[in-house]
């Protein structure tokens, strides 16, 4: 709590480093154990619980947006655009990338990931920067959230896939931070984030791949997601502005 009170942005950066380094180390442990995602899931569960306890103990639920949205679901179009963005791949093919056990571990892990990343990037990093400059807070938190996905290169991802993921994550980052700004809540952001990440293990885009090839299929699918993201972002930005509460 001392670091948080002294410098909220530094506190957020420390959390990001712990999360990124910890996840990378745990991935290697999972590989050594022979069960994918087991170590990462345990790490993410522990970090999520730690963050929840810290937030609750220090009365930061309102500050981080862990509360009921102040805008009705109807005004937010019942968040249907978020479902379309996260579930886009399902329209082009469904399947299981992993076995049952690994799929369960990954799904549970991704639920915790959604909570952790939203609390860190929207709840702490954005809020810390926005106290001095709202525009800078929006831009830096969104870009940092997206560019941070390049860490996947260290874990074996290819440059094409990682670049596409970063572009999509930056766009999603802008949308999510404005959802937080308009609703004063990151609950919808957490739900979307977890849903989006979970769906990546169950969507195959086989119909697109068979017709266009893998890279073109990925570009087309992400293009649709970016288009819906842009349209929904414009809509959300036009909603009445709210002041961030302390």
Protein backbone atom coordinates (compact mmCIF):
# COMPACT_ATOMS: atom_id res chain seq x y z
CA UNK A 1 0.00 0.00 0.00
CA UNK A 2 2.93 2.35 0.65
CA UNK A 3 4.08 2.12 -2.97
CA UNK A 4 0.53 2.63 -4.22
CA UNK A 5 0.10 5.80 -2.14
CA UNK A 6 3.52 7.08 -3.15
CA UNK A 7 3.16 6.54 -6.91
CA UNK A 8 0.19 4.73 -8.43
CA UNK A 9 1.78 4.45 -11.87
CA UNK A 10 4.94 2.87 -10.49
CA UNK A 11 2.75 0.48 -8.52
CA UNK A 12 0.97 -0.54 -11.74
CA UNK A 13 4.27 -0.99 -13.59
CA UNK A 14 5.57 -3.24 -10.81
CA UNK A 15 2.42 -5.35 -11.09
CA UNK A 16 2.88 -5.60 -14.87
CA UNK A 17 6.48 -6.79 -14.46
CA UNK A 18 5.47 -9.36 -11.84
CA UNK A 19 2.66 -10.60 -14.05
CA UNK A 20 4.68 -10.82 -17.28
CA UNK A 21 7.79 -12.37 -15.74
CA UNK A 22 5.77 -14.71 -13.55
CA UNK A 23 3.63 -15.93 -16.45
CA UNK A 24 6.71 -16.60 -18.59
CA UNK A 25 8.45 -18.53 -15.82
CA UNK A 26 5.32 -20.54 -15.09
CA UNK A 27 4.95 -21.46 -18.74
CA UNK A 28 8.37 -23.04 -18.64
CA UNK A 29 7.50 -24.87 -15.43
CA UNK A 30 4.34 -26.25 -17.06
CA UNK A 31 6.44 -27.48 -19.98
CA UNK A 32 8.86 -29.17 -17.59
CA UNK A 33 6.00 -30.80 -15.67
CA UNK A 34 4.39 -31.96 -18.89
CA UNK A 35 0.94 -30.43 -18.37
CA UNK A 36 0.19 -27.25 -20.30
CA UNK A 37 -1.14 -24.24 -18.34
CA UNK A 38 -1.05 -25.95 -14.93
CA UNK A 39 1.61 -23.67 -13.44
CA UNK A 40 0.25 -20.53 -15.18
CA UNK A 41 -3.23 -21.27 -13.87
CA UNK A 42 -2.00 -21.58 -10.28
CA UNK A 43 0.08 -18.40 -10.62
CA UNK A 44 -2.81 -16.40 -12.11
CA UNK A 45 -5.22 -17.69 -9.46
CA UNK A 46 -2.83 -16.63 -6.70
CA UNK A 47 -2.23 -13.20 -8.24
CA UNK A 48 -5.96 -12.61 -8.81
CA UNK A 49 -6.75 -13.50 -5.21
CA UNK A 50 -3.89 -11.30 -4.00
CA UNK A 51 -5.17 -8.34 -6.01
CA UNK A 52 -8.75 -8.89 -4.83
CA UNK A 53 -7.64 -9.00 -1.18
CA UNK A 54 -5.48 -5.87 -1.62
CA UNK A 55 -8.34 -3.98 -3.26
CA UNK A 56 -10.90 -5.06 -0.68
CA UNK A 57 -8.65 -4.46 2.32
CA UNK A 58 -7.78 -0.93 1.19
CA UNK A 59 -11.26 0.10 0.03
CA UNK A 60 -10.27 0.45 -3.62
CA UNK A 61 -13.27 -1.26 -5.22
CA UNK A 62 -14.77 1.99 -6.45
CA UNK A 63 -11.40 3.36 -7.52
CA UNK A 64 -10.57 0.30 -9.64
CA UNK A 65 -14.09 0.00 -11.04
CA UNK A 66 -14.98 -3.27 -9.32
CA UNK A 67 -18.61 -2.25 -8.88
CA UNK A 68 -21.95 -2.27 -10.68
CA UNK A 69 -21.95 -0.19 -13.91
CA UNK A 70 -23.57 3.25 -13.54
CA UNK A 71 -25.02 3.01 -17.06
CA UNK A 72 -27.86 0.61 -17.85
CA UNK A 73 -27.19 -2.44 -19.98
CA UNK A 74 -29.75 -1.14 -22.48
CA UNK A 75 -27.74 2.08 -22.95
CA UNK A 76 -24.69 -0.10 -23.61
CA UNK A 77 -26.65 -2.07 -26.24
CA UNK A 78 -26.64 -4.96 -23.76
CA UNK A 79 -22.92 -5.34 -24.57
CA UNK A 80 -23.89 -7.37 -27.65
CA UNK A 81 -21.04 -5.85 -29.71
CA UNK A 82 -18.58 -7.27 -27.17
CA UNK A 83 -20.09 -10.73 -27.64
CA UNK A 84 -19.75 -10.34 -31.40
CA UNK A 85 -16.13 -9.26 -31.10
CA UNK A 86 -15.12 -12.04 -28.72
CA UNK A 87 -17.15 -14.72 -30.47
CA UNK A 88 -16.39 -13.69 -34.05
CA UNK A 89 -14.28 -16.77 -34.76
CA UNK A 90 -17.12 -19.08 -33.77
CA UNK A 91 -19.00 -18.13 -36.94
CA UNK A 92 -16.23 -19.63 -39.04
CA UNK A 93 -15.62 -22.90 -37.21
CA UNK A 94 -15.57 -24.41 -33.74
CA UNK A 95 -13.39 -27.12 -32.25
CA UNK A 96 -11.06 -27.97 -29.36
CA UNK A 97 -7.44 -26.98 -29.74
CA UNK A 98 -6.47 -28.94 -26.62
CA UNK A 99 -7.60 -32.03 -24.75
CA UNK A 100 -10.33 -31.81 -22.11
CA UNK A 101 -8.03 -31.43 -19.09
CA UNK A 102 -5.81 -28.81 -20.70
CA UNK A 103 -8.86 -26.95 -22.05
CA UNK A 104 -10.29 -26.73 -18.53
CA UNK A 105 -6.98 -25.50 -17.11
CA UNK A 106 -6.65 -22.91 -19.85
CA UNK A 107 -10.25 -21.71 -19.47
CA UNK A 108 -9.90 -21.27 -15.71
CA UNK A 109 -6.57 -19.50 -16.22
CA UNK A 110 -8.09 -17.13 -18.78
CA UNK A 111 -10.87 -16.14 -16.38
CA UNK A 112 -8.20 -15.07 -13.90
CA UNK A 113 -6.20 -13.38 -16.69
CA UNK A 114 -9.22 -11.25 -17.60
CA UNK A 115 -9.51 -10.09 -14.00
CA UNK A 116 -5.78 -9.47 -13.52
CA UNK A 117 -5.19 -7.54 -16.74
CA UNK A 118 -8.26 -5.35 -16.37
CA UNK A 119 -7.44 -4.49 -12.78
CA UNK A 120 -3.82 -3.68 -13.67
CA UNK A 121 -4.26 -1.82 -16.97
CA UNK A 122 -7.64 -0.16 -16.45
CA UNK A 123 -7.97 -0.17 -12.68
CA UNK A 124 -4.46 0.94 -11.72
CA UNK A 125 -2.34 2.09 -14.69
CA UNK A 126 -5.05 4.12 -16.43
CA UNK A 127 -6.35 5.62 -13.19
CA UNK A 128 -2.84 6.52 -12.04
CA UNK A 129 -2.00 8.38 -15.26
CA UNK A 130 -5.49 9.86 -15.72
CA UNK A 131 -5.24 11.70 -12.38
CA UNK A 132 -2.80 14.07 -14.10
CA UNK A 133 -3.83 13.78 -17.75
CA UNK A 134 -6.95 11.91 -18.87
CA UNK A 135 -6.01 11.77 -22.55
CA UNK A 136 -2.54 10.49 -21.77
CA UNK A 137 -4.06 7.89 -19.47
CA UNK A 138 -6.33 6.59 -22.23
CA UNK A 139 -3.54 6.44 -24.82
CA UNK A 140 -0.73 5.05 -22.67
CA UNK A 141 -2.81 2.39 -20.91
CA UNK A 142 -4.28 1.20 -24.23
CA UNK A 143 -0.94 1.12 -26.08
CA UNK A 144 0.83 -0.54 -23.15
CA UNK A 145 -1.89 -3.17 -22.94
CA UNK A 146 -1.57 -3.94 -26.64
CA UNK A 147 2.19 -3.77 -27.06
CA UNK A 148 2.62 -5.95 -23.99
CA UNK A 149 1.31 -8.85 -26.05
CA UNK A 150 4.61 -8.90 -27.93
CA UNK A 151 5.91 -10.81 -24.91
CA UNK A 152 4.33 -13.83 -26.59
CA UNK A 153 7.29 -13.79 -28.99
CA UNK A 154 9.46 -14.87 -26.07
CA UNK A 155 7.13 -17.81 -25.53
CA UNK A 156 7.36 -19.13 -29.07
CA UNK A 157 4.65 -17.24 -30.96
CA UNK A 158 5.37 -16.21 -34.56
CA UNK A 159 5.84 -12.56 -35.53
CA UNK A 160 2.74 -12.47 -37.77
CA UNK A 161 0.41 -13.84 -35.12
CA UNK A 162 1.89 -11.64 -32.40
CA UNK A 163 1.63 -8.48 -34.53
CA UNK A 164 -2.02 -9.15 -35.35
CA UNK A 165 -2.70 -9.83 -31.67
CA UNK A 166 -1.05 -6.55 -30.67
CA UNK A 167 -3.10 -4.53 -33.19
CA UNK A 168 -6.31 -6.14 -31.96
CA UNK A 169 -5.32 -5.69 -28.30
CA UNK A 170 -4.57 -1.97 -28.78
CA UNK A 171 -8.00 -1.43 -30.37
CA UNK A 172 -9.68 -3.46 -27.61
CA UNK A 173 -7.72 -1.46 -25.03
CA UNK A 174 -9.17 1.82 -26.27
CA UNK A 175 -12.68 0.38 -26.28
CA UNK A 176 -12.39 -1.06 -22.79
CA UNK A 177 -10.98 2.08 -21.24
CA UNK A 178 -13.90 4.10 -22.65
CA UNK A 179 -16.36 1.53 -21.35
CA UNK A 180 -14.74 2.05 -17.95
CA UNK A 181 -14.95 5.84 -18.36
CA UNK A 182 -18.63 5.82 -19.29
CA UNK A 183 -19.86 3.12 -16.88
CA UNK A 184 -17.35 3.65 -14.03
CA UNK A 185 -17.02 -0.13 -13.94
CA UNK A 186 -14.50 -2.68 -15.23
CA UNK A 187 -16.88 -5.59 -14.60
CA UNK A 188 -18.06 -5.63 -18.25
CA UNK A 189 -14.41 -5.35 -19.32
CA UNK A 190 -13.42 -8.34 -17.20
CA UNK A 191 -16.27 -10.47 -18.54
CA UNK A 192 -15.44 -9.58 -22.16
CA UNK A 193 -11.71 -10.03 -21.66
CA UNK A 194 -12.13 -13.49 -20.13
CA UNK A 195 -14.70 -14.54 -22.74
CA UNK A 196 -12.53 -13.33 -25.61
CA UNK A 197 -9.47 -15.16 -24.34
CA UNK A 198 -11.38 -18.37 -23.61
CA UNK A 199 -12.92 -18.42 -27.09
CA UNK A 200 -9.51 -18.49 -28.79
CA UNK A 201 -9.11 -22.12 -27.72
CA UNK A 202 -12.44 -23.18 -29.21
CA UNK A 203 -12.58 -21.31 -32.52
CA UNK A 204 -10.85 -22.76 -35.57
CA UNK A 205 -11.95 -20.53 -38.48
CA UNK A 206 -11.79 -23.69 -40.61
CA UNK A 207 -14.27 -22.32 -43.14
CA UNK A 208 -12.09 -19.31 -43.80
CA UNK A 209 -8.82 -21.24 -43.73
CA UNK A 210 -10.07 -23.78 -46.26
CA UNK A 211 -11.01 -20.98 -48.64
CA UNK A 212 -8.32 -18.33 -48.10
CA UNK A 213 -5.43 -19.95 -46.24
CA UNK A 214 -4.46 -19.41 -42.61
CA UNK A 215 -2.92 -15.92 -42.75
CA UNK A 216 -5.69 -14.42 -44.88
CA UNK A 217 -8.28 -16.10 -42.67
CA UNK A 218 -6.74 -14.51 -39.58
CA UNK A 219 -6.65 -11.09 -41.27
CA UNK A 220 -10.29 -11.35 -42.33
CA UNK A 221 -11.48 -12.45 -38.89
CA UNK A 222 -9.49 -9.76 -37.09
CA UNK A 223 -10.66 -7.21 -39.66
CA UNK A 224 -14.27 -7.97 -38.73
CA UNK A 225 -13.43 -7.70 -35.03
CA UNK A 226 -11.69 -4.35 -35.56
CA UNK A 227 -14.64 -3.00 -37.55
CA UNK A 228 -17.13 -3.91 -34.80
CA UNK A 229 -14.72 -2.56 -32.18
CA UNK A 230 -14.44 0.78 -34.00
CA UNK A 231 -18.22 1.15 -34.41
CA UNK A 232 -18.92 0.28 -30.78
CA UNK A 233 -16.12 2.59 -29.60
CA UNK A 234 -17.70 5.49 -31.51
CA UNK A 235 -21.04 4.71 -29.89
CA UNK A 236 -19.59 4.44 -26.37
CA UNK A 237 -17.62 7.67 -26.77
CA UNK A 238 -20.85 9.50 -27.61
CA UNK A 239 -22.49 8.49 -24.33
CA UNK A 240 -22.67 11.13 -21.56
CA UNK A 241 -19.31 11.74 -19.90
CA UNK A 242 -18.77 10.98 -16.23
CA UNK A 243 -16.14 12.20 -13.82
CA UNK A 244 -13.83 9.54 -12.43
CA UNK A 245 -14.50 9.03 -8.73
CA UNK A 246 -11.66 9.01 -6.24
